Full PDB file with SEQRES, HELIX, SHEET, SSBOND, CRYST1, ORIGX, SCALE, CONECT and MASTER records, all heavy atoms in Angstrom:
SEQRES   1 A   38  GLU SER GLY GLY GLY LEU VAL GLN ALA GLY GLY SER LEU          
SEQRES   2 A   38  ARG LEU SER CYS THR VAL SER GLY GLY THR PHE ILE ARG          
SEQRES   3 A   38  TYR GLY MET ALA TRP PHE ARG GLN ALA PRO GLY LYS              
HELIX    1 AA1 PHE A   24  ARG A   26  5                                   3    
CRYST1    1.000    1.000    1.000  90.00  90.00  90.00 P 1           1          
ORIGX1      1.000000  0.000000  0.000000        0.00000                         
ORIGX2      0.000000  1.000000  0.000000        0.00000                         
ORIGX3      0.000000  0.000000  1.000000        0.00000                         
SCALE1      1.000000  0.000000  0.000000        0.00000                         
SCALE2      0.000000  1.000000  0.000000        0.00000                         
SCALE3      0.000000  0.000000  1.000000        0.00000                         
ATOM      1  N   GLU A   1    -209.716  57.866-259.322  1.00  0.00           N  
ATOM      2  CA  GLU A   1    -210.580  57.194-260.281  1.00  0.00           C  
ATOM      3  C   GLU A   1    -212.034  57.218-259.815  1.00  0.00           C  
ATOM      4  O   GLU A   1    -212.313  57.250-258.616  1.00  0.00           O  
ATOM      5  CB  GLU A   1    -210.156  55.735-260.483  1.00  0.00           C  
ATOM      6  CG  GLU A   1    -208.751  55.548-261.014  1.00  0.00           C  
ATOM      7  CD  GLU A   1    -207.792  55.114-259.940  1.00  0.00           C  
ATOM      8  OE1 GLU A   1    -208.028  55.459-258.759  1.00  0.00           O  
ATOM      9  OE2 GLU A   1    -206.808  54.417-260.262  1.00  0.00           O  
ATOM     10  N   SER A   2    -212.943  57.142-260.779  1.00  0.00           N  
ATOM     11  CA  SER A   2    -214.362  57.022-260.489  1.00  0.00           C  
ATOM     12  C   SER A   2    -215.043  56.341-261.666  1.00  0.00           C  
ATOM     13  O   SER A   2    -214.455  56.214-262.737  1.00  0.00           O  
ATOM     14  CB  SER A   2    -215.003  58.386-260.211  1.00  0.00           C  
ATOM     15  OG  SER A   2    -214.903  59.235-261.340  1.00  0.00           O  
ATOM     16  N   GLY A   3    -216.284  55.900-261.470  1.00  0.00           N  
ATOM     17  CA  GLY A   3    -217.080  55.363-262.555  1.00  0.00           C  
ATOM     18  C   GLY A   3    -217.171  53.855-262.635  1.00  0.00           C  
ATOM     19  O   GLY A   3    -217.816  53.326-263.547  1.00  0.00           O  
ATOM     20  N   GLY A   4    -216.551  53.135-261.717  1.00  0.00           N  
ATOM     21  CA  GLY A   4    -216.646  51.691-261.722  1.00  0.00           C  
ATOM     22  C   GLY A   4    -218.003  51.214-261.234  1.00  0.00           C  
ATOM     23  O   GLY A   4    -218.889  52.000-260.897  1.00  0.00           O  
ATOM     24  N   GLY A   5    -218.169  49.892-261.210  1.00  0.00           N  
ATOM     25  CA  GLY A   5    -219.413  49.332-260.736  1.00  0.00           C  
ATOM     26  C   GLY A   5    -219.651  47.939-261.267  1.00  0.00           C  
ATOM     27  O   GLY A   5    -218.737  47.277-261.763  1.00  0.00           O  
ATOM     28  N   LEU A   6    -220.901  47.501-261.164  1.00  0.00           N  
ATOM     29  CA  LEU A   6    -221.335  46.175-261.581  1.00  0.00           C  
ATOM     30  C   LEU A   6    -222.235  46.290-262.799  1.00  0.00           C  
ATOM     31  O   LEU A   6    -223.212  47.047-262.778  1.00  0.00           O  
ATOM     32  CB  LEU A   6    -222.081  45.486-260.439  1.00  0.00           C  
ATOM     33  CG  LEU A   6    -222.771  44.161-260.752  1.00  0.00           C  
ATOM     34  CD1 LEU A   6    -221.738  43.100-261.102  1.00  0.00           C  
ATOM     35  CD2 LEU A   6    -223.619  43.730-259.570  1.00  0.00           C  
ATOM     36  N   VAL A   7    -221.901  45.555-263.855  1.00  0.00           N  
ATOM     37  CA  VAL A   7    -222.716  45.536-265.064  1.00  0.00           C  
ATOM     38  C   VAL A   7    -222.831  44.110-265.571  1.00  0.00           C  
ATOM     39  O   VAL A   7    -222.025  43.242-265.234  1.00  0.00           O  
ATOM     40  CB  VAL A   7    -222.137  46.431-266.180  1.00  0.00           C  
ATOM     41  CG1 VAL A   7    -222.099  47.887-265.750  1.00  0.00           C  
ATOM     42  CG2 VAL A   7    -220.750  45.950-266.579  1.00  0.00           C  
ATOM     43  N   GLN A   8    -223.839  43.867-266.400  1.00  0.00           N  
ATOM     44  CA  GLN A   8    -223.993  42.580-267.055  1.00  0.00           C  
ATOM     45  C   GLN A   8    -223.112  42.511-268.294  1.00  0.00           C  
ATOM     46  O   GLN A   8    -222.748  43.533-268.878  1.00  0.00           O  
ATOM     47  CB  GLN A   8    -225.448  42.340-267.442  1.00  0.00           C  
ATOM     48  CG  GLN A   8    -226.388  42.185-266.267  1.00  0.00           C  
ATOM     49  CD  GLN A   8    -227.799  41.854-266.696  1.00  0.00           C  
ATOM     50  OE1 GLN A   8    -228.160  41.995-267.859  1.00  0.00           O  
ATOM     51  NE2 GLN A   8    -228.612  41.403-265.754  1.00  0.00           N  
ATOM     52  N   ALA A   9    -222.756  41.300-268.683  1.00  0.00           N  
ATOM     53  CA  ALA A   9    -221.987  41.111-269.901  1.00  0.00           C  
ATOM     54  C   ALA A   9    -222.675  41.800-271.072  1.00  0.00           C  
ATOM     55  O   ALA A   9    -223.895  41.719-271.230  1.00  0.00           O  
ATOM     56  CB  ALA A   9    -221.804  39.625-270.186  1.00  0.00           C  
ATOM     57  N   GLY A  10    -221.867  42.485-271.887  1.00  0.00           N  
ATOM     58  CA  GLY A  10    -222.395  43.248-273.002  1.00  0.00           C  
ATOM     59  C   GLY A  10    -222.674  44.697-272.678  1.00  0.00           C  
ATOM     60  O   GLY A  10    -222.913  45.495-273.592  1.00  0.00           O  
ATOM     61  N   GLY A  11    -222.633  45.062-271.413  1.00  0.00           N  
ATOM     62  CA  GLY A  11    -222.891  46.422-270.997  1.00  0.00           C  
ATOM     63  C   GLY A  11    -221.671  47.310-271.113  1.00  0.00           C  
ATOM     64  O   GLY A  11    -220.614  46.895-271.584  1.00  0.00           O  
ATOM     65  N   SER A  12    -221.826  48.555-270.643  1.00  0.00           N  
ATOM     66  CA  SER A  12    -220.781  49.562-270.771  1.00  0.00           C  
ATOM     67  C   SER A  12    -220.555  50.290-269.453  1.00  0.00           C  
ATOM     68  O   SER A  12    -221.466  50.434-268.632  1.00  0.00           O  
ATOM     69  CB  SER A  12    -221.150  50.599-271.841  1.00  0.00           C  
ATOM     70  OG  SER A  12    -221.278  50.007-273.122  1.00  0.00           O  
ATOM     71  N   LEU A  13    -219.336  50.756-269.272  1.00  0.00           N  
ATOM     72  CA  LEU A  13    -218.959  51.635-268.181  1.00  0.00           C  
ATOM     73  C   LEU A  13    -217.955  52.641-268.708  1.00  0.00           C  
ATOM     74  O   LEU A  13    -217.218  52.351-269.652  1.00  0.00           O  
ATOM     75  CB  LEU A  13    -218.322  50.870-267.023  1.00  0.00           C  
ATOM     76  CG  LEU A  13    -219.208  50.027-266.113  1.00  0.00           C  
ATOM     77  CD1 LEU A  13    -218.332  49.220-265.158  1.00  0.00           C  
ATOM     78  CD2 LEU A  13    -220.175  50.901-265.333  1.00  0.00           C  
ATOM     79  N   ARG A  14    -217.917  53.815-268.085  1.00  0.00           N  
ATOM     80  CA  ARG A  14    -216.872  54.786-268.382  1.00  0.00           C  
ATOM     81  C   ARG A  14    -216.139  55.138-267.104  1.00  0.00           C  
ATOM     82  O   ARG A  14    -216.725  55.692-266.174  1.00  0.00           O  
ATOM     83  CB  ARG A  14    -217.427  56.056-269.023  1.00  0.00           C  
ATOM     84  CG  ARG A  14    -216.298  56.980-269.512  1.00  0.00           C  
ATOM     85  CD  ARG A  14    -216.793  58.220-270.222  1.00  0.00           C  
ATOM     86  NE  ARG A  14    -217.347  59.206-269.300  1.00  0.00           N  
ATOM     87  CZ  ARG A  14    -217.509  60.485-269.594  1.00  0.00           C  
ATOM     88  NH1 ARG A  14    -217.158  60.944-270.798  1.00  0.00           N  
ATOM     89  NH2 ARG A  14    -218.037  61.302-268.703  1.00  0.00           N  
ATOM     90  N   LEU A  15    -214.853  54.811-267.064  1.00  0.00           N  
ATOM     91  CA  LEU A  15    -214.010  55.166-265.946  1.00  0.00           C  
ATOM     92  C   LEU A  15    -213.415  56.553-266.170  1.00  0.00           C  
ATOM     93  O   LEU A  15    -213.069  56.915-267.290  1.00  0.00           O  
ATOM     94  CB  LEU A  15    -212.878  54.160-265.771  1.00  0.00           C  
ATOM     95  CG  LEU A  15    -213.272  52.692-265.607  1.00  0.00           C  
ATOM     96  CD1 LEU A  15    -212.029  51.843-265.391  1.00  0.00           C  
ATOM     97  CD2 LEU A  15    -214.262  52.517-264.469  1.00  0.00           C  
ATOM     98  N   SER A  16    -213.289  57.316-265.091  1.00  0.00           N  
ATOM     99  CA  SER A  16    -212.671  58.626-265.133  1.00  0.00           C  
ATOM    100  C   SER A  16    -211.518  58.670-264.149  1.00  0.00           C  
ATOM    101  O   SER A  16    -211.565  58.037-263.096  1.00  0.00           O  
ATOM    102  CB  SER A  16    -213.674  59.726-264.774  1.00  0.00           C  
ATOM    103  OG  SER A  16    -214.759  59.757-265.676  1.00  0.00           O  
ATOM    104  N   CYS A  17    -210.500  59.421-264.490  1.00  0.00           N  
ATOM    105  CA  CYS A  17    -209.362  59.629-263.604  1.00  0.00           C  
ATOM    106  C   CYS A  17    -209.001  61.099-263.650  1.00  0.00           C  
ATOM    107  O   CYS A  17    -208.565  61.596-264.690  1.00  0.00           O  
ATOM    108  CB  CYS A  17    -208.179  58.759-264.033  1.00  0.00           C  
ATOM    109  SG  CYS A  17    -206.657  59.038-263.096  1.00  0.00           S  
ATOM    110  N   THR A  18    -209.183  61.784-262.540  1.00  0.00           N  
ATOM    111  CA  THR A  18    -208.903  63.207-262.452  1.00  0.00           C  
ATOM    112  C   THR A  18    -207.567  63.431-261.762  1.00  0.00           C  
ATOM    113  O   THR A  18    -207.308  62.860-260.701  1.00  0.00           O  
ATOM    114  CB  THR A  18    -210.018  63.941-261.706  1.00  0.00           C  
ATOM    115  OG1 THR A  18    -211.250  63.773-262.412  1.00  0.00           O  
ATOM    116  CG2 THR A  18    -209.716  65.432-261.614  1.00  0.00           C  
ATOM    117  N   VAL A  19    -206.741  64.264-262.359  1.00  0.00           N  
ATOM    118  CA  VAL A  19    -205.380  64.518-261.886  1.00  0.00           C  
ATOM    119  C   VAL A  19    -205.308  65.917-261.296  1.00  0.00           C  
ATOM    120  O   VAL A  19    -205.783  66.880-261.899  1.00  0.00           O  
ATOM    121  CB  VAL A  19    -204.365  64.371-263.028  1.00  0.00           C  
ATOM    122  CG1 VAL A  19    -202.953  64.665-262.536  1.00  0.00           C  
ATOM    123  CG2 VAL A  19    -204.450  62.978-263.630  1.00  0.00           C  
ATOM    124  N   SER A  20    -204.706  66.038-260.131  1.00  0.00           N  
ATOM    125  CA  SER A  20    -204.514  67.329-259.485  1.00  0.00           C  
ATOM    126  C   SER A  20    -203.070  67.463-259.031  1.00  0.00           C  
ATOM    127  O   SER A  20    -202.347  66.480-258.872  1.00  0.00           O  
ATOM    128  CB  SER A  20    -205.463  67.501-258.297  1.00  0.00           C  
ATOM    129  OG  SER A  20    -205.215  66.525-257.299  1.00  0.00           O  
ATOM    130  N   GLY A  21    -202.641  68.700-258.828  1.00  0.00           N  
ATOM    131  CA  GLY A  21    -201.323  68.954-258.269  1.00  0.00           C  
ATOM    132  C   GLY A  21    -200.172  68.971-259.254  1.00  0.00           C  
ATOM    133  O   GLY A  21    -199.018  68.977-258.845  1.00  0.00           O  
ATOM    134  N   GLY A  22    -200.456  68.981-260.533  1.00  0.00           N  
ATOM    135  CA  GLY A  22    -199.406  68.996-261.542  1.00  0.00           C  
ATOM    136  C   GLY A  22    -199.891  69.617-262.835  1.00  0.00           C  
ATOM    137  O   GLY A  22    -200.934  70.255-262.876  1.00  0.00           O  
ATOM    138  N   THR A  23    -199.111  69.421-263.869  1.00  0.00           N  
ATOM    139  CA  THR A  23    -199.445  69.934-265.193  1.00  0.00           C  
ATOM    140  C   THR A  23    -199.910  68.767-266.052  1.00  0.00           C  
ATOM    141  O   THR A  23    -199.114  68.107-266.728  1.00  0.00           O  
ATOM    142  CB  THR A  23    -198.239  70.644-265.817  1.00  0.00           C  
ATOM    143  OG1 THR A  23    -197.732  71.635-264.921  1.00  0.00           O  
ATOM    144  CG2 THR A  23    -198.644  71.318-267.123  1.00  0.00           C  
ATOM    145  N   PHE A  24    -201.206  68.514-266.042  1.00  0.00           N  
ATOM    146  CA  PHE A  24    -201.784  67.323-266.649  1.00  0.00           C  
ATOM    147  C   PHE A  24    -201.413  67.178-268.123  1.00  0.00           C  
ATOM    148  O   PHE A  24    -201.118  66.069-268.583  1.00  0.00           O  
ATOM    149  CB  PHE A  24    -203.304  67.356-266.478  1.00  0.00           C  
ATOM    150  CG  PHE A  24    -204.023  66.235-267.158  1.00  0.00           C  
ATOM    151  CD1 PHE A  24    -203.999  64.957-266.643  1.00  0.00           C  
ATOM    152  CD2 PHE A  24    -204.742  66.473-268.320  1.00  0.00           C  
ATOM    153  CE1 PHE A  24    -204.663  63.925-267.262  1.00  0.00           C  
ATOM    154  CE2 PHE A  24    -205.418  65.449-268.951  1.00  0.00           C  
ATOM    155  CZ  PHE A  24    -205.384  64.172-268.426  1.00  0.00           C  
ATOM    156  N   ILE A  25    -201.420  68.274-268.857  1.00  0.00           N  
ATOM    157  CA  ILE A  25    -201.194  68.213-270.290  1.00  0.00           C  
ATOM    158  C   ILE A  25    -199.801  67.669-270.629  1.00  0.00           C  
ATOM    159  O   ILE A  25    -199.588  67.147-271.731  1.00  0.00           O  
ATOM    160  CB  ILE A  25    -201.405  69.606-270.930  1.00  0.00           C  
ATOM    161  CG1 ILE A  25    -201.547  69.493-272.441  1.00  0.00           C  
ATOM    162  CG2 ILE A  25    -200.267  70.544-270.548  1.00  0.00           C  
ATOM    163  CD1 ILE A  25    -201.977  70.789-273.101  1.00  0.00           C  
ATOM    164  N   ARG A  26    -198.881  67.728-269.682  1.00  0.00           N  
ATOM    165  CA  ARG A  26    -197.528  67.251-269.914  1.00  0.00           C  
ATOM    166  C   ARG A  26    -197.369  65.743-269.686  1.00  0.00           C  
ATOM    167  O   ARG A  26    -196.304  65.185-269.971  1.00  0.00           O  
ATOM    168  CB  ARG A  26    -196.531  67.973-269.001  1.00  0.00           C  
ATOM    169  CG  ARG A  26    -196.448  69.481-269.212  1.00  0.00           C  
ATOM    170  CD  ARG A  26    -195.899  69.828-270.590  1.00  0.00           C  
ATOM    171  NE  ARG A  26    -194.622  69.165-270.856  1.00  0.00           N  
ATOM    172  CZ  ARG A  26    -193.438  69.594-270.455  1.00  0.00           C  
ATOM    173  NH1 ARG A  26    -193.344  70.734-269.756  1.00  0.00           N  
ATOM    174  NH2 ARG A  26    -192.344  68.929-270.740  1.00  0.00           N  
ATOM    175  N   TYR A  27    -198.403  65.074-269.190  1.00  0.00           N  
ATOM    176  CA  TYR A  27    -198.279  63.680-268.784  1.00  0.00           C  
ATOM    177  C   TYR A  27    -198.929  62.735-269.777  1.00  0.00           C  
ATOM    178  O   TYR A  27    -200.088  62.915-270.159  1.00  0.00           O  
ATOM    179  CB  TYR A  27    -198.922  63.449-267.415  1.00  0.00           C  
ATOM    180  CG  TYR A  27    -198.510  64.403-266.332  1.00  0.00           C  
ATOM    181  CD1 TYR A  27    -199.396  64.717-265.310  1.00  0.00           C  
ATOM    182  CD2 TYR A  27    -197.252  64.985-266.319  1.00  0.00           C  
ATOM    183  CE1 TYR A  27    -199.024  65.584-264.299  1.00  0.00           C  
ATOM    184  CE2 TYR A  27    -196.879  65.860-265.315  1.00  0.00           C  
ATOM    185  CZ  TYR A  27    -197.768  66.153-264.315  1.00  0.00           C  
ATOM    186  OH  TYR A  27    -197.403  67.015-263.313  1.00  0.00           O  
ATOM    187  N   GLY A  28    -198.178  61.712-270.192  1.00  0.00           N  
ATOM    188  CA  GLY A  28    -198.827  60.560-270.785  1.00  0.00           C  
ATOM    189  C   GLY A  28    -199.630  59.844-269.709  1.00  0.00           C  
ATOM    190  O   GLY A  28    -199.245  59.833-268.539  1.00  0.00           O  
ATOM    191  N   MET A  29    -200.742  59.246-270.092  1.00  0.00           N  
ATOM    192  CA  MET A  29    -201.626  58.587-269.133  1.00  0.00           C  
ATOM    193  C   MET A  29    -201.924  57.165-269.585  1.00  0.00           C  
ATOM    194  O   MET A  29    -201.922  56.862-270.782  1.00  0.00           O  
ATOM    195  CB  MET A  29    -202.932  59.360-268.976  1.00  0.00           C  
ATOM    196  CG  MET A  29    -202.771  60.784-268.475  1.00  0.00           C  
ATOM    197  SD  MET A  29    -202.153  60.871-266.774  1.00  0.00           S  
ATOM    198  CE  MET A  29    -203.477  60.041-265.886  1.00  0.00           C  
ATOM    199  N   ALA A  30    -202.208  56.297-268.620  1.00  0.00           N  
ATOM    200  CA  ALA A  30    -202.490  54.905-268.924  1.00  0.00           C  
ATOM    201  C   ALA A  30    -203.482  54.327-267.939  1.00  0.00           C  
ATOM    202  O   ALA A  30    -203.667  54.841-266.829  1.00  0.00           O  
ATOM    203  CB  ALA A  30    -201.206  54.077-268.916  1.00  0.00           C  
ATOM    204  N   TRP A  31    -204.122  53.236-268.355  1.00  0.00           N  
ATOM    205  CA  TRP A  31    -204.969  52.424-267.503  1.00  0.00           C  
ATOM    206  C   TRP A  31    -204.376  51.031-267.391  1.00  0.00           C  
ATOM    207  O   TRP A  31    -203.929  50.458-268.391  1.00  0.00           O  
ATOM    208  CB  TRP A  31    -206.398  52.330-268.048  1.00  0.00           C  
ATOM    209  CG  TRP A  31    -207.180  53.598-267.927  1.00  0.00           C  
ATOM    210  CD1 TRP A  31    -207.313  54.573-268.866  1.00  0.00           C  
ATOM    211  CD2 TRP A  31    -207.943  54.017-266.796  1.00  0.00           C  
ATOM    212  NE1 TRP A  31    -208.114  55.579-268.402  1.00  0.00           N  
ATOM    213  CE2 TRP A  31    -208.517  55.264-267.122  1.00  0.00           C  
ATOM    214  CE3 TRP A  31    -208.206  53.462-265.539  1.00  0.00           C  
ATOM    215  CZ2 TRP A  31    -209.332  55.967-266.235  1.00  0.00           C  
ATOM    216  CZ3 TRP A  31    -209.012  54.160-264.658  1.00  0.00           C  
ATOM    217  CH2 TRP A  31    -209.562  55.398-265.015  1.00  0.00           C  
ATOM    218  N   PHE A  32    -204.387  50.504-266.174  1.00  0.00           N  
ATOM    219  CA  PHE A  32    -203.966  49.151-265.869  1.00  0.00           C  
ATOM    220  C   PHE A  32    -205.101  48.440-265.141  1.00  0.00           C  
ATOM    221  O   PHE A  32    -206.021  49.076-264.652  1.00  0.00           O  
ATOM    222  CB  PHE A  32    -202.712  49.140-264.991  1.00  0.00           C  
ATOM    223  CG  PHE A  32    -201.475  49.679-265.645  1.00  0.00           C  
ATOM    224  CD1 PHE A  32    -201.304  51.043-265.826  1.00  0.00           C  
ATOM    225  CD2 PHE A  32    -200.471  48.828-266.064  1.00  0.00           C  
ATOM    226  CE1 PHE A  32    -200.166  51.551-266.415  1.00  0.00           C  
ATOM    227  CE2 PHE A  32    -199.321  49.317-266.655  1.00  0.00           C  
ATOM    228  CZ  PHE A  32    -199.170  50.675-266.832  1.00  0.00           C  
ATOM    229  N   ARG A  33    -205.009  47.121-265.036  1.00  0.00           N  
ATOM    230  CA  ARG A  33    -205.986  46.367-264.252  1.00  0.00           C  
ATOM    231  C   ARG A  33    -205.297  45.196-263.564  1.00  0.00           C  
ATOM    232  O   ARG A  33    -204.260  44.718-264.008  1.00  0.00           O  
ATOM    233  CB  ARG A  33    -207.153  45.891-265.114  1.00  0.00           C  
ATOM    234  CG  ARG A  33    -206.779  44.936-266.229  1.00  0.00           C  
ATOM    235  CD  ARG A  33    -207.987  44.698-267.130  1.00  0.00           C  
ATOM    236  NE  ARG A  33    -207.697  43.762-268.196  1.00  0.00           N  
ATOM    237  CZ  ARG A  33    -208.552  43.457-269.163  1.00  0.00           C  
ATOM    238  NH1 ARG A  33    -209.761  44.027-269.203  1.00  0.00           N  
ATOM    239  NH2 ARG A  33    -208.204  42.582-270.105  1.00  0.00           N  
ATOM    240  N   GLN A  34    -205.911  44.732-262.474  1.00  0.00           N  
ATOM    241  CA  GLN A  34    -205.308  43.676-261.680  1.00  0.00           C  
ATOM    242  C   GLN A  34    -206.378  42.883-260.952  1.00  0.00           C  
ATOM    243  O   GLN A  34    -207.272  43.456-260.335  1.00  0.00           O  
ATOM    244  CB  GLN A  34    -204.317  44.255-260.671  1.00  0.00           C  
ATOM    245  CG  GLN A  34    -203.526  43.222-259.900  1.00  0.00           C  
ATOM    246  CD  GLN A  34    -202.456  43.859-259.041  1.00  0.00           C  
ATOM    247  OE1 GLN A  34    -202.590  45.000-258.603  1.00  0.00           O  
ATOM    248  NE2 GLN A  34    -201.381  43.132-258.798  1.00  0.00           N  
ATOM    249  N   ALA A  35    -206.269  41.559-261.019  1.00  0.00           N  
ATOM    250  CA  ALA A  35    -207.132  40.654-260.285  1.00  0.00           C  
ATOM    251  C   ALA A  35    -206.351  40.075-259.111  1.00  0.00           C  
ATOM    252  O   ALA A  35    -205.122  40.000-259.155  1.00  0.00           O  
ATOM    253  CB  ALA A  35    -207.631  39.533-261.191  1.00  0.00           C  
ATOM    254  N   PRO A  36    -207.042  39.637-258.044  1.00  0.00           N  
ATOM    255  CA  PRO A  36    -206.345  39.053-256.903  1.00  0.00           C  
ATOM    256  C   PRO A  36    -205.449  37.892-257.310  1.00  0.00           C  
ATOM    257  O   PRO A  36    -205.864  37.012-258.065  1.00  0.00           O  
ATOM    258  CB  PRO A  36    -207.484  38.587-255.993  1.00  0.00           C  
ATOM    259  CG  PRO A  36    -208.623  39.484-256.345  1.00  0.00           C  
ATOM    260  CD  PRO A  36    -208.493  39.719-257.827  1.00  0.00           C  
ATOM    261  N   GLY A  37    -204.215  37.899-256.827  1.00  0.00           N  
ATOM    262  CA  GLY A  37    -203.279  36.835-257.121  1.00  0.00           C  
ATOM    263  C   GLY A  37    -202.612  36.915-258.478  1.00  0.00           C  
ATOM    264  O   GLY A  37    -201.833  36.023-258.823  1.00  0.00           O  
ATOM    265  N   LYS A  38    -202.906  37.957-259.246  1.00  0.00           N  
ATOM    266  CA  LYS A  38    -202.326  38.108-260.571  1.00  0.00           C  
ATOM    267  C   LYS A  38    -201.520  39.397-260.656  1.00  0.00           C  
ATOM    268  O   LYS A  38    -201.690  40.312-259.850  1.00  0.00           O  
ATOM    269  CB  LYS A  38    -203.418  38.105-261.641  1.00  0.00           C  
ATOM    270  CG  LYS A  38    -204.211  36.817-261.720  1.00  0.00           C  
ATOM    271  CD  LYS A  38    -205.229  36.864-262.842  1.00  0.00           C  
ATOM    272  CE  LYS A  38    -206.015  35.578-262.930  1.00  0.00           C  
ATOM    273  NZ  LYS A  38    -207.030  35.632-264.016  1.00  0.00           N  
TER     274      LYS A  38                                                      
MASTER        0    0    0    1    0    0    0    6  273    1    0    3          
END                                                                             
């Protein structure tokens, strides 16, 4: 993954996830998130 960072409320970010070592087109992809203790 790449593209994270610090922004103010109302701002924008674009996260990227580059896949290597397989056949990417064959894979469904997803994003998850997690906070400490959750």
